[in-house]
Amino acid sequence: MNKEQLIAEQQMETREIVQALLDDGSDPQANYNIEHHFAASDFDALEKAAVDAFKAGFAVDDAEELELDDGSIAYCFSAMAEHPLDLERLDKDCESLIELANKHKVLYDGWGTHFVEPSKQ
């Protein structure tokens, strides 16, 4: 899949995630902790991607080592930001992070967040 297809697929997934959260009653006005996920079998490439994500303004957690079902090792980290569920912002962030992942030949594995209870006024 080429970069444009990955971006288009991610935009569709972003809309599904946001709609599911809102349909479940998550607070549409809240700030959300957005976690963008990266993975690679090459630790050095992943580390370079993490540095670039940090330079781009994301908080970056420490890389974790995972053993896959086939016994091989993969490394992963999350790049995090806090903001509302704004589709334009999410699309922009996802596009720039997909480009960053392609640059370093690592996998951008989408984003996630958690349900936020609506505030009671």
PDB file of N, CA and C in Angstrom:
ATOM      1  N   MET A   1       0.847  -1.170   0.000  1.00  0.00           N
ATOM      2  CA  MET A   1       0.000   0.000   0.000  1.00  0.00           C
ATOM      3  C   MET A   1       0.900   1.244   0.000  1.00  0.00           C
ATOM      4  N   ASN A   2       0.606   2.194  -0.863  1.00  0.00           N
ATOM      5  CA  ASN A   2       1.434   3.402  -0.908  1.00  0.00           C
ATOM      6  C   ASN A   2       1.004   4.399   0.171  1.00  0.00           C
ATOM      7  N   LYS A   3       1.797   5.457   0.312  1.00  0.00           N
ATOM      8  CA  LYS A   3       1.569   6.433   1.384  1.00  0.00           C
ATOM      9  C   LYS A   3       0.183   7.067   1.295  1.00  0.00           C
ATOM     10  N   GLU A   4      -0.255   7.434   0.087  1.00  0.00           N
ATOM     11  CA  GLU A   4      -1.562   8.072  -0.074  1.00  0.00           C
ATOM     12  C   GLU A   4      -2.693   7.138   0.354  1.00  0.00           C
ATOM     13  N   GLN A   5      -2.557   5.852   0.036  1.00  0.00           N
ATOM     14  CA  GLN A   5      -3.564   4.871   0.452  1.00  0.00           C
ATOM     15  C   GLN A   5      -3.572   4.711   1.969  1.00  0.00           C
ATOM     16  N   LEU A   6      -2.380   4.677   2.571  1.00  0.00           N
ATOM     17  CA  LEU A   6      -2.292   4.576   4.033  1.00  0.00           C
ATOM     18  C   LEU A   6      -2.959   5.771   4.703  1.00  0.00           C
ATOM     19  N   ILE A   7      -2.718   6.959   4.157  1.00  0.00           N
ATOM     20  CA  ILE A   7      -3.311   8.179   4.729  1.00  0.00           C
ATOM     21  C   ILE A   7      -4.827   8.144   4.583  1.00  0.00           C
ATOM     22  N   ALA A   8      -5.321   7.765   3.402  1.00  0.00           N
ATOM     23  CA  ALA A   8      -6.772   7.694   3.183  1.00  0.00           C
ATOM     24  C   ALA A   8      -7.413   6.658   4.106  1.00  0.00           C
ATOM     25  N   GLU A   9      -6.764   5.509   4.262  1.00  0.00           N
ATOM     26  CA  GLU A   9      -7.281   4.472   5.156  1.00  0.00           C
ATOM     27  C   GLU A   9      -7.304   4.966   6.609  1.00  0.00           C
ATOM     28  N   GLN A  10      -6.237   5.661   7.008  1.00  0.00           N
ATOM     29  CA  GLN A  10      -6.175   6.180   8.378  1.00  0.00           C
ATOM     30  C   GLN A  10      -7.258   7.234   8.599  1.00  0.00           C
ATOM     31  N   GLN A  11      -7.528   8.076   7.611  1.00  0.00           N
ATOM     32  CA  GLN A  11      -8.578   9.086   7.753  1.00  0.00           C
ATOM     33  C   GLN A  11      -9.940   8.424   7.961  1.00  0.00           C
ATOM     34  N   MET A  12     -10.214   7.339   7.227  1.00  0.00           N
ATOM     35  CA  MET A  12     -11.477   6.621   7.422  1.00  0.00           C
ATOM     36  C   MET A  12     -11.539   6.016   8.820  1.00  0.00           C
ATOM     37  N   GLU A  13     -10.427   5.425   9.262  1.00  0.00           N
ATOM     38  CA  GLU A  13     -10.384   4.828  10.600  1.00  0.00           C
ATOM     39  C   GLU A  13     -10.550   5.894  11.679  1.00  0.00           C
ATOM     40  N   THR A  14      -9.947   7.059  11.473  1.00  0.00           N
ATOM     41  CA  THR A  14     -10.079   8.161  12.434  1.00  0.00           C
ATOM     42  C   THR A  14     -11.542   8.538  12.603  1.00  0.00           C
ATOM     43  N   ARG A  15     -12.260   8.654  11.500  1.00  0.00           N
ATOM     44  CA  ARG A  15     -13.674   9.013  11.570  1.00  0.00           C
ATOM     45  C   ARG A  15     -14.485   7.946  12.305  1.00  0.00           C
ATOM     46  N   GLU A  16     -14.147   6.675  12.073  1.00  0.00           N
ATOM     47  CA  GLU A  16     -14.835   5.585  12.769  1.00  0.00           C
ATOM     48  C   GLU A  16     -14.568   5.635  14.274  1.00  0.00           C
ATOM     49  N   ILE A  17     -13.325   5.878  14.667  1.00  0.00           N
ATOM     50  CA  ILE A  17     -12.973   5.934  16.085  1.00  0.00           C
ATOM     51  C   ILE A  17     -13.698   7.090  16.765  1.00  0.00           C
ATOM     52  N   VAL A  18     -13.625   8.276  16.161  1.00  0.00           N
ATOM     53  CA  VAL A  18     -14.271   9.456  16.756  1.00  0.00           C
ATOM     54  C   VAL A  18     -15.778   9.231  16.854  1.00  0.00           C
ATOM     55  N   GLN A  19     -16.390   8.721  15.792  1.00  0.00           N
ATOM     56  CA  GLN A  19     -17.837   8.502  15.817  1.00  0.00           C
ATOM     57  C   GLN A  19     -18.226   7.472  16.875  1.00  0.00           C
ATOM     58  N   ALA A  20     -17.442   6.410  17.003  1.00  0.00           N
ATOM     59  CA  ALA A  20     -17.735   5.387  18.021  1.00  0.00           C
ATOM     60  C   ALA A  20     -17.655   5.974  19.427  1.00  0.00           C
ATOM     61  N   LEU A  21     -16.651   6.802  19.677  1.00  0.00           N
ATOM     62  CA  LEU A  21     -16.532   7.433  20.995  1.00  0.00           C
ATOM     63  C   LEU A  21     -17.742   8.325  21.277  1.00  0.00           C
ATOM     64  N   LEU A  22     -18.105   9.132  20.303  1.00  0.00           N
ATOM     65  CA  LEU A  22     -19.235  10.040  20.496  1.00  0.00           C
ATOM     66  C   LEU A  22     -20.549   9.278  20.615  1.00  0.00           C
ATOM     67  N   ASP A  23     -20.719   8.227  19.820  1.00  0.00           N
ATOM     68  CA  ASP A  23     -21.932   7.392  19.904  1.00  0.00           C
ATOM     69  C   ASP A  23     -22.056   6.735  21.270  1.00  0.00           C
ATOM     70  N   ASP A  24     -20.916   6.417  21.892  1.00  0.00           N
ATOM     71  CA  ASP A  24     -20.915   5.800  23.223  1.00  0.00           C
ATOM     72  C   ASP A  24     -21.129   6.816  24.337  1.00  0.00           C
ATOM     73  N   GLY A  25     -21.172   8.112  23.992  1.00  0.00           N
ATOM     74  CA  GLY A  25     -21.422   9.137  24.995  1.00  0.00           C
ATOM     75  C   GLY A  25     -20.183   9.816  25.534  1.00  0.00           C
ATOM     76  N   SER A  26     -19.041   9.611  24.908  1.00  0.00           N
ATOM     77  CA  SER A  26     -17.822  10.287  25.358  1.00  0.00           C
ATOM     78  C   SER A  26     -17.981  11.794  25.168  1.00  0.00           C
ATOM     79  N   ASP A  27     -17.380  12.567  26.055  1.00  0.00           N
ATOM     80  CA  ASP A  27     -17.527  14.022  26.076  1.00  0.00           C
ATOM     81  C   ASP A  27     -16.938  14.663  24.810  1.00  0.00           C
ATOM     82  N   PRO A  28     -17.781  15.287  23.974  1.00  0.00           N
ATOM     83  CA  PRO A  28     -17.276  15.879  22.727  1.00  0.00           C
ATOM     84  C   PRO A  28     -16.424  17.131  22.957  1.00  0.00           C
ATOM     85  N   GLN A  29     -16.482  17.718  24.140  1.00  0.00           N
ATOM     86  CA  GLN A  29     -15.740  18.949  24.444  1.00  0.00           C
ATOM     87  C   GLN A  29     -14.427  18.696  25.182  1.00  0.00           C
ATOM     88  N   ALA A  30     -14.178  17.467  25.563  1.00  0.00           N
ATOM     89  CA  ALA A  30     -13.009  17.138  26.399  1.00  0.00           C
ATOM     90  C   ALA A  30     -11.715  17.147  25.598  1.00  0.00           C
ATOM     91  N   ASN A  31     -10.618  17.286  26.315  1.00  0.00           N
ATOM     92  CA  ASN A  31      -9.302  17.022  25.758  1.00  0.00           C
ATOM     93  C   ASN A  31      -9.026  15.535  25.942  1.00  0.00           C
ATOM     94  N   TYR A  32      -8.471  14.912  24.925  1.00  0.00           N
ATOM     95  CA  TYR A  32      -8.202  13.479  24.933  1.00  0.00           C
ATOM     96  C   TYR A  32      -6.699  13.243  24.868  1.00  0.00           C
ATOM     97  N   ASN A  33      -6.254  12.207  25.553  1.00  0.00           N
ATOM     98  CA  ASN A  33      -4.865  11.761  25.435  1.00  0.00           C
ATOM     99  C   ASN A  33      -4.800  10.841  24.218  1.00  0.00           C
ATOM    100  N   ILE A  34      -4.243  11.355  23.141  1.00  0.00           N
ATOM    101  CA  ILE A  34      -4.150  10.618  21.880  1.00  0.00           C
ATOM    102  C   ILE A  34      -2.793   9.924  21.833  1.00  0.00           C
ATOM    103  N   GLU A  35      -2.799   8.619  21.605  1.00  0.00           N
ATOM    104  CA  GLU A  35      -1.565   7.836  21.525  1.00  0.00           C
ATOM    105  C   GLU A  35      -1.418   7.281  20.115  1.00  0.00           C
ATOM    106  N   HIS A  36      -0.386   7.722  19.410  1.00  0.00           N
ATOM    107  CA  HIS A  36      -0.063   7.227  18.072  1.00  0.00           C
ATOM    108  C   HIS A  36       0.962   6.111  18.241  1.00  0.00           C
ATOM    109  N   HIS A  37       0.713   4.960  17.611  1.00  0.00           N
ATOM    110  CA  HIS A  37       1.524   3.766  17.839  1.00  0.00           C
ATOM    111  C   HIS A  37       2.482   3.481  16.681  1.00  0.00           C
ATOM    112  N   PHE A  38       3.713   3.114  17.041  1.00  0.00           N
ATOM    113  CA  PHE A  38       4.752   2.771  16.077  1.00  0.00           C
ATOM    114  C   PHE A  38       5.366   1.429  16.457  1.00  0.00           C
ATOM    115  N   ALA A  39       5.829   0.686  15.441  1.00  0.00           N
ATOM    116  CA  ALA A  39       6.496  -0.592  15.695  1.00  0.00           C
ATOM    117  C   ALA A  39       7.543  -0.847  14.609  1.00  0.00           C
ATOM    118  N   ALA A  40       8.552  -1.626  14.967  1.00  0.00           N
ATOM    119  CA  ALA A  40       9.599  -2.001  14.010  1.00  0.00           C
ATOM    120  C   ALA A  40      10.387  -3.177  14.562  1.00  0.00           C
ATOM    121  N   SER A  41      11.039  -3.894  13.666  1.00  0.00           N
ATOM    122  CA  SER A  41      11.949  -4.956  14.109  1.00  0.00           C
ATOM    123  C   SER A  41      13.352  -4.403  14.307  1.00  0.00           C
ATOM    124  N   ASP A  42      13.611  -3.219  13.768  1.00  0.00           N
ATOM    125  CA  ASP A  42      14.914  -2.562  13.861  1.00  0.00           C
ATOM    126  C   ASP A  42      14.852  -1.479  14.942  1.00  0.00           C
ATOM    127  N   PHE A  43      15.497  -1.744  16.077  1.00  0.00           N
ATOM    128  CA  PHE A  43      15.436  -0.806  17.197  1.00  0.00           C
ATOM    129  C   PHE A  43      16.009   0.564  16.830  1.00  0.00           C
ATOM    130  N   ASP A  44      17.111   0.589  16.096  1.00  0.00           N
ATOM    131  CA  ASP A  44      17.737   1.866  15.735  1.00  0.00           C
ATOM    132  C   ASP A  44      16.801   2.725  14.889  1.00  0.00           C
ATOM    133  N   ALA A  45      16.112   2.118  13.927  1.00  0.00           N
ATOM    134  CA  ALA A  45      15.155   2.865  13.092  1.00  0.00           C
ATOM    135  C   ALA A  45      14.014   3.396  13.956  1.00  0.00           C
ATOM    136  N   LEU A  46      13.538   2.573  14.883  1.00  0.00           N
ATOM    137  CA  LEU A  46      12.447   3.002  15.757  1.00  0.00           C
ATOM    138  C   LEU A  46      12.893   4.161  16.643  1.00  0.00           C
ATOM    139  N   GLU A  47      14.113   4.081  17.141  1.00  0.00           N
ATOM    140  CA  GLU A  47      14.644   5.141  17.995  1.00  0.00           C
ATOM    141  C   GLU A  47      14.729   6.469  17.224  1.00  0.00           C
ATOM    142  N   LYS A  48      15.154   6.414  15.965  1.00  0.00           N
ATOM    143  CA  LYS A  48      15.218   7.624  15.139  1.00  0.00           C
ATOM    144  C   LYS A  48      13.822   8.194  14.900  1.00  0.00           C
ATOM    145  N   ALA A  49      12.850   7.334  14.706  1.00  0.00           N
ATOM    146  CA  ALA A  49      11.465   7.786  14.536  1.00  0.00           C
ATOM    147  C   ALA A  49      10.969   8.452  15.823  1.00  0.00           C
ATOM    148  N   ALA A  50      11.323   7.898  16.967  1.00  0.00           N
ATOM    149  CA  ALA A  50      10.906   8.474  18.252  1.00  0.00           C
ATOM    150  C   ALA A  50      11.512   9.860  18.441  1.00  0.00           C
ATOM    151  N   VAL A  51      12.774  10.022  18.067  1.00  0.00           N
ATOM    152  CA  VAL A  51      13.428  11.330  18.178  1.00  0.00           C
ATOM    153  C   VAL A  51      12.719  12.342  17.290  1.00  0.00           C
ATOM    154  N   ASP A  52      12.388  11.947  16.059  1.00  0.00           N
ATOM    155  CA  ASP A  52      11.689  12.865  15.156  1.00  0.00           C
ATOM    156  C   ASP A  52      10.287  13.198  15.654  1.00  0.00           C
ATOM    157  N   ALA A  53       9.595  12.228  16.239  1.00  0.00           N
ATOM    158  CA  ALA A  53       8.259  12.491  16.796  1.00  0.00           C
ATOM    159  C   ALA A  53       8.364  13.489  17.952  1.00  0.00           C
ATOM    160  N   PHE A  54       9.389  13.324  18.784  1.00  0.00           N
ATOM    161  CA  PHE A  54       9.610  14.262  19.888  1.00  0.00           C
ATOM    162  C   PHE A  54       9.895  15.665  19.349  1.00  0.00           C
ATOM    163  N   LYS A  55      10.752  15.757  18.334  1.00  0.00           N
ATOM    164  CA  LYS A  55      11.073  17.050  17.730  1.00  0.00           C
ATOM    165  C   LYS A  55       9.835  17.698  17.111  1.00  0.00           C
ATOM    166  N   ALA A  56       8.870  16.884  16.697  1.00  0.00           N
ATOM    167  CA  ALA A  56       7.630  17.392  16.099  1.00  0.00           C
ATOM    168  C   ALA A  56       6.617  17.828  17.156  1.00  0.00           C
ATOM    169  N   GLY A  57       6.987  17.702  18.437  1.00  0.00           N
ATOM    170  CA  GLY A  57       6.127  18.198  19.499  1.00  0.00           C
ATOM    171  C   GLY A  57       5.319  17.157  20.247  1.00  0.00           C
ATOM    172  N   PHE A  58       5.552  15.887  19.983  1.00  0.00           N
ATOM    173  CA  PHE A  58       4.822  14.823  20.675  1.00  0.00           C
ATOM    174  C   PHE A  58       5.613  14.363  21.898  1.00  0.00           C
ATOM    175  N   ALA A  59       4.907  13.977  22.933  1.00  0.00           N
ATOM    176  CA  ALA A  59       5.535  13.290  24.057  1.00  0.00           C
ATOM    177  C   ALA A  59       5.766  11.852  23.592  1.00  0.00           C
ATOM    178  N   VAL A  60       6.908  11.284  23.949  1.00  0.00           N
ATOM    179  CA  VAL A  60       7.262   9.953  23.468  1.00  0.00           C
ATOM    180  C   VAL A  60       7.583   9.069  24.663  1.00  0.00           C
ATOM    181  N   ASP A  61       6.983   7.876  24.698  1.00  0.00           N
ATOM    182  CA  ASP A  61       7.304   6.974  25.798  1.00  0.00           C
ATOM    183  C   ASP A  61       8.490   6.092  25.425  1.00  0.00           C
ATOM    184  N   ASP A  62       9.013   5.373  26.405  1.00  0.00           N
ATOM    185  CA  ASP A  62      10.152   4.487  26.166  1.00  0.00           C
ATOM    186  C   ASP A  62       9.730   3.324  25.271  1.00  0.00           C
ATOM    187  N   ALA A  63      10.622   2.899  24.414  1.00  0.00           N
ATOM    188  CA  ALA A  63      10.356   1.758  23.542  1.00  0.00           C
ATOM    189  C   ALA A  63      10.222   0.492  24.386  1.00  0.00           C
ATOM    190  N   GLU A  64       9.327  -0.381  23.939  1.00  0.00           N
ATOM    191  CA  GLU A  64       9.133  -1.673  24.588  1.00  0.00           C
ATOM    192  C   GLU A  64       9.521  -2.772  23.619  1.00  0.00           C
ATOM    193  N   GLU A  65      10.024  -3.856  24.140  1.00  0.00           N
ATOM    194  CA  GLU A  65      10.372  -5.028  23.346  1.00  0.00           C
ATOM    195  C   GLU A  65       9.261  -6.055  23.496  1.00  0.00           C
ATOM    196  N   LEU A  66       8.797  -6.584  22.367  1.00  0.00           N
ATOM    197  CA  LEU A  66       7.736  -7.589  22.381  1.00  0.00           C
ATOM    198  C   LEU A  66       8.187  -8.826  21.617  1.00  0.00           C
ATOM    199  N   GLU A  67       7.842  -9.992  22.129  1.00  0.00           N
ATOM    200  CA  GLU A  67       8.088 -11.218  21.381  1.00  0.00           C
ATOM    201  C   GLU A  67       6.811 -11.569  20.634  1.00  0.00           C
ATOM    202  N   LEU A  68       6.917 -11.724  19.321  1.00  0.00           N
ATOM    203  CA  LEU A  68       5.758 -12.036  18.483  1.00  0.00           C
ATOM    204  C   LEU A  68       5.473 -13.528  18.500  1.00  0.00           C
ATOM    205  N   ASP A  69       4.321 -13.918  17.978  1.00  0.00           N
ATOM    206  CA  ASP A  69       3.915 -15.327  17.972  1.00  0.00           C
ATOM    207  C   ASP A  69       4.941 -16.237  17.305  1.00  0.00           C
ATOM    208  N   ASP A  70       5.630 -15.723  16.297  1.00  0.00           N
ATOM    209  CA  ASP A  70       6.617 -16.535  15.581  1.00  0.00           C
ATOM    210  C   ASP A  70       7.983 -16.546  16.271  1.00  0.00           C
ATOM    211  N   GLY A  71       8.081 -15.902  17.438  1.00  0.00           N
ATOM    212  CA  GLY A  71       9.325 -15.875  18.191  1.00  0.00           C
ATOM    213  C   GLY A  71      10.223 -14.696  17.865  1.00  0.00           C
ATOM    214  N   SER A  72       9.898 -13.955  16.838  1.00  0.00           N
ATOM    215  CA  SER A  72      10.717 -12.788  16.488  1.00  0.00           C
ATOM    216  C   SER A  72      10.444 -11.649  17.474  1.00  0.00           C
ATOM    217  N   ILE A  73      11.344 -10.680  17.462  1.00  0.00           N
ATOM    218  CA  ILE A  73      11.257  -9.546  18.383  1.00  0.00           C
ATOM    219  C   ILE A  73      10.830  -8.294  17.618  1.00  0.00           C
ATOM    220  N   ALA A  74       9.944  -7.535  18.205  1.00  0.00           N
ATOM    221  CA  ALA A  74       9.539  -6.237  17.662  1.00  0.00           C
ATOM    222  C   ALA A  74       9.662  -5.211  18.778  1.00  0.00           C
ATOM    223  N   TYR A  75       9.841  -3.985  18.381  1.00  0.00           N
ATOM    224  CA  TYR A  75       9.945  -2.872  19.321  1.00  0.00           C
ATOM    225  C   TYR A  75       8.818  -1.897  19.007  1.00  0.00           C
ATOM    226  N   CYS A  76       8.314  -1.226  20.035  1.00  0.00           N
ATOM    227  CA  CYS A  76       7.220  -0.289  19.804  1.00  0.00           C
ATOM    228  C   CYS A  76       7.322   0.890  20.774  1.00  0.00           C
ATOM    229  N   PHE A  77       6.698   1.996  20.377  1.00  0.00           N
ATOM    230  CA  PHE A  77       6.566   3.154  21.255  1.00  0.00           C
ATOM    231  C   PHE A  77       5.325   3.917  20.843  1.00  0.00           C
ATOM    232  N   SER A  78       4.896   4.827  21.711  1.00  0.00           N
ATOM    233  CA  SER A  78       3.759   5.696  21.417  1.00  0.00           C
ATOM    234  C   SER A  78       4.220   7.144  21.447  1.00  0.00           C
ATOM    235  N   ALA A  79       3.678   7.913  20.509  1.00  0.00           N
ATOM    236  CA  ALA A  79       3.862   9.368  20.481  1.00  0.00           C
ATOM    237  C   ALA A  79       2.526   9.959  20.910  1.00  0.00           C
ATOM    238  N   MET A  80       2.544  10.808  21.938  1.00  0.00           N
ATOM    239  CA  MET A  80       1.297  11.246  22.552  1.00  0.00           C
ATOM    240  C   MET A  80       1.095  12.760  22.455  1.00  0.00           C
ATOM    241  N   ALA A  81      -0.176  13.129  22.367  1.00  0.00           N
ATOM    242  CA  ALA A  81      -0.580  14.533  22.368  1.00  0.00           C
ATOM    243  C   ALA A  81      -1.924  14.620  23.074  1.00  0.00           C
ATOM    244  N   GLU A  82      -2.213  15.780  23.629  1.00  0.00           N
ATOM    245  CA  GLU A  82      -3.499  15.977  24.292  1.00  0.00           C
ATOM    246  C   GLU A  82      -4.234  17.102  23.584  1.00  0.00           C
ATOM    247  N   HIS A  83      -5.433  16.787  23.083  1.00  0.00           N
ATOM    248  CA  HIS A  83      -6.258  17.775  22.394  1.00  0.00           C
ATOM    249  C   HIS A  83      -7.666  17.221  22.182  1.00  0.00           C
ATOM    250  N   PRO A  84      -8.612  18.074  21.765  1.00  0.00           N
ATOM    251  CA  PRO A  84      -9.974  17.599  21.490  1.00  0.00           C
ATOM    252  C   PRO A  84      -9.995  16.626  20.307  1.00  0.00           C
ATOM    253  N   LEU A  85     -11.132  15.961  20.126  1.00  0.00           N
ATOM    254  CA  LEU A  85     -11.310  15.048  18.999  1.00  0.00           C
ATOM    255  C   LEU A  85     -11.630  15.854  17.738  1.00  0.00           C
ATOM    256  N   ASP A  86     -10.675  16.613  17.293  1.00  0.00           N
ATOM    257  CA  ASP A  86     -10.815  17.472  16.125  1.00  0.00           C
ATOM    258  C   ASP A  86     -10.302  16.705  14.901  1.00  0.00           C
ATOM    259  N   LEU A  87     -11.194  16.425  13.945  1.00  0.00           N
ATOM    260  CA  LEU A  87     -10.814  15.614  12.790  1.00  0.00           C
ATOM    261  C   LEU A  87      -9.672  16.233  11.991  1.00  0.00           C
ATOM    262  N   GLU A  88      -9.698  17.542  11.812  1.00  0.00           N
ATOM    263  CA  GLU A  88      -8.646  18.202  11.046  1.00  0.00           C
ATOM    264  C   GLU A  88      -7.287  18.019  11.721  1.00  0.00           C
ATOM    265  N   ARG A  89      -7.244  18.205  13.026  1.00  0.00           N
ATOM    266  CA  ARG A  89      -5.998  18.031  13.783  1.00  0.00           C
ATOM    267  C   ARG A  89      -5.530  16.580  13.739  1.00  0.00           C
ATOM    268  N   LEU A  90      -6.458  15.648  13.934  1.00  0.00           N
ATOM    269  CA  LEU A  90      -6.101  14.236  13.902  1.00  0.00           C
ATOM    270  C   LEU A  90      -5.579  13.831  12.521  1.00  0.00           C
ATOM    271  N   ASP A  91      -6.251  14.281  11.467  1.00  0.00           N
ATOM    272  CA  ASP A  91      -5.790  13.965  10.111  1.00  0.00           C
ATOM    273  C   ASP A  91      -4.389  14.512   9.862  1.00  0.00           C
ATOM    274  N   LYS A  92      -4.155  15.748  10.279  1.00  0.00           N
ATOM    275  CA  LYS A  92      -2.837  16.380  10.079  1.00  0.00           C
ATOM    276  C   LYS A  92      -1.758  15.613  10.838  1.00  0.00           C
ATOM    277  N   ASP A  93      -2.030  15.292  12.105  1.00  0.00           N
ATOM    278  CA  ASP A  93      -1.057  14.549  12.908  1.00  0.00           C
ATOM    279  C   ASP A  93      -0.786  13.171  12.301  1.00  0.00           C
ATOM    280  N   CYS A  94      -1.849  12.465  11.918  1.00  0.00           N
ATOM    281  CA  CYS A  94      -1.676  11.122  11.354  1.00  0.00           C
ATOM    282  C   CYS A  94      -0.864  11.182  10.061  1.00  0.00           C
ATOM    283  N   GLU A  95      -1.170  12.137   9.205  1.00  0.00           N
ATOM    284  CA  GLU A  95      -0.429  12.256   7.951  1.00  0.00           C
ATOM    285  C   GLU A  95       1.062  12.515   8.202  1.00  0.00           C
ATOM    286  N   SER A  96       1.356  13.441   9.104  1.00  0.00           N
ATOM    287  CA  SER A  96       2.765  13.736   9.368  1.00  0.00           C
ATOM    288  C   SER A  96       3.471  12.545  10.023  1.00  0.00           C
ATOM    289  N   LEU A  97       2.763  11.800  10.857  1.00  0.00           N
ATOM    290  CA  LEU A  97       3.383  10.647  11.511  1.00  0.00           C
ATOM    291  C   LEU A  97       3.531   9.461  10.553  1.00  0.00           C
ATOM    292  N   ILE A  98       2.619   9.310   9.613  1.00  0.00           N
ATOM    293  CA  ILE A  98       2.772   8.280   8.576  1.00  0.00           C
ATOM    294  C   ILE A  98       4.000   8.600   7.724  1.00  0.00           C
ATOM    295  N   GLU A  99       4.169   9.870   7.379  1.00  0.00           N
ATOM    296  CA  GLU A  99       5.351  10.277   6.613  1.00  0.00           C
ATOM    297  C   GLU A  99       6.630  10.032   7.411  1.00  0.00           C
ATOM    298  N   LEU A 100       6.590  10.333   8.702  1.00  0.00           N
ATOM    299  CA  LEU A 100       7.736  10.083   9.574  1.00  0.00           C
ATOM    300  C   LEU A 100       8.054   8.587   9.614  1.00  0.00           C
ATOM    301  N   ALA A 101       7.027   7.755   9.740  1.00  0.00           N
ATOM    302  CA  ALA A 101       7.228   6.299   9.772  1.00  0.00           C
ATOM    303  C   ALA A 101       7.829   5.804   8.455  1.00  0.00           C
ATOM    304  N   ASN A 102       7.321   6.315   7.343  1.00  0.00           N
ATOM    305  CA  ASN A 102       7.863   5.910   6.041  1.00  0.00           C
ATOM    306  C   ASN A 102       9.321   6.309   5.910  1.00  0.00           C
ATOM    307  N   LYS A 103       9.659   7.506   6.386  1.00  0.00           N
ATOM    308  CA  LYS A 103      11.041   7.995   6.330  1.00  0.00           C
ATOM    309  C   LYS A 103      12.000   7.030   7.027  1.00  0.00           C
ATOM    310  N   HIS A 104      11.577   6.497   8.165  1.00  0.00           N
ATOM    311  CA  HIS A 104      12.444   5.633   8.973  1.00  0.00           C
ATOM    312  C   HIS A 104      12.194   4.145   8.740  1.00  0.00           C
ATOM    313  N   LYS A 105      11.264   3.843   7.841  1.00  0.00           N
ATOM    314  CA  LYS A 105      10.932   2.449   7.509  1.00  0.00           C
ATOM    315  C   LYS A 105      10.458   1.669   8.744  1.00  0.00           C
ATOM    316  N   VAL A 106       9.566   2.325   9.500  1.00  0.00           N
ATOM    317  CA  VAL A 106       8.904   1.677  10.635  1.00  0.00           C
ATOM    318  C   VAL A 106       7.404   1.693  10.359  1.00  0.00           C
ATOM    319  N   LEU A 107       6.651   0.961  11.144  1.00  0.00           N
ATOM    320  CA  LEU A 107       5.206   0.864  10.973  1.00  0.00           C
ATOM    321  C   LEU A 107       4.496   1.905  11.821  1.00  0.00           C
ATOM    322  N   TYR A 108       3.624   2.707  11.196  1.00  0.00           N
ATOM    323  CA  TYR A 108       2.683   3.538  11.947  1.00  0.00           C
ATOM    324  C   TYR A 108       1.444   2.683  12.106  1.00  0.00           C
ATOM    325  N   ASP A 109       1.053   2.413  13.342  1.00  0.00           N
ATOM    326  CA  ASP A 109      -0.019   1.462  13.618  1.00  0.00           C
ATOM    327  C   ASP A 109      -1.267   2.147  14.163  1.00  0.00           C
ATOM    328  N   GLY A 110      -1.531   3.376  13.706  1.00  0.00           N
ATOM    329  CA  GLY A 110      -2.762   4.054  14.092  1.00  0.00           C
ATOM    330  C   GLY A 110      -2.685   4.714  15.452  1.00  0.00           C
ATOM    331  N   TRP A 111      -3.839   5.188  15.898  1.00  0.00           N
ATOM    332  CA  TRP A 111      -3.902   5.891  17.171  1.00  0.00           C
ATOM    333  C   TRP A 111      -5.076   5.371  17.987  1.00  0.00           C
ATOM    334  N   GLY A 112      -5.024   5.707  19.255  1.00  0.00           N
ATOM    335  CA  GLY A 112      -6.109   5.342  20.150  1.00  0.00           C
ATOM    336  C   GLY A 112      -6.220   6.350  21.275  1.00  0.00           C
ATOM    337  N   THR A 113      -7.317   6.257  21.987  1.00  0.00           N
ATOM    338  CA  THR A 113      -7.561   7.091  23.147  1.00  0.00           C
ATOM    339  C   THR A 113      -8.565   6.375  24.036  1.00  0.00           C
ATOM    340  N   HIS A 114      -8.989   7.025  25.098  1.00  0.00           N
ATOM    341  CA  HIS A 114      -9.944   6.430  26.024  1.00  0.00           C
ATOM    342  C   HIS A 114     -11.213   7.260  26.099  1.00  0.00           C
ATOM    343  N   PHE A 115     -12.286   6.611  26.457  1.00  0.00           N
ATOM    344  CA  PHE A 115     -13.573   7.245  26.694  1.00  0.00           C
ATOM    345  C   PHE A 115     -13.410   8.307  27.784  1.00  0.00           C
ATOM    346  N   VAL A 116     -14.062   9.449  27.616  1.00  0.00           N
ATOM    347  CA  VAL A 116     -14.054  10.496  28.626  1.00  0.00           C
ATOM    348  C   VAL A 116     -15.499  10.773  29.048  1.00  0.00           C
ATOM    349  N   GLU A 117     -15.744  10.585  30.345  1.00  0.00           N
ATOM    350  CA  GLU A 117     -17.087  10.853  30.877  1.00  0.00           C
ATOM    351  C   GLU A 117     -17.445  12.325  30.666  1.00  0.00           C
ATOM    352  N   PRO A 118     -18.666  12.590  30.220  1.00  0.00           N
ATOM    353  CA  PRO A 118     -19.083  13.991  30.106  1.00  0.00           C
ATOM    354  C   PRO A 118     -19.073  14.652  31.485  1.00  0.00           C
ATOM    355  N   SER A 119     -18.678  15.906  31.521  1.00  0.00           N
ATOM    356  CA  SER A 119     -18.672  16.623  32.796  1.00  0.00           C
ATOM    357  C   SER A 119     -20.099  16.990  33.161  1.00  0.00           C
ATOM    358  N   LYS A 120     -20.395  16.909  34.455  1.00  0.00           N
ATOM    359  CA  LYS A 120     -21.745  17.230  34.946  1.00  0.00           C
ATOM    360  C   LYS A 120     -21.762  18.678  35.387  1.00  0.00           C
ATOM    361  N   GLN A 121     -22.680  19.424  34.805  1.00  0.00           N
ATOM    362  CA  GLN A 121     -22.729  20.852  35.121  1.00  0.00           C
ATOM    363  C   GLN A 121     -23.925  21.173  35.952  1.00  0.00           C
TER     364      GLN A 121
END
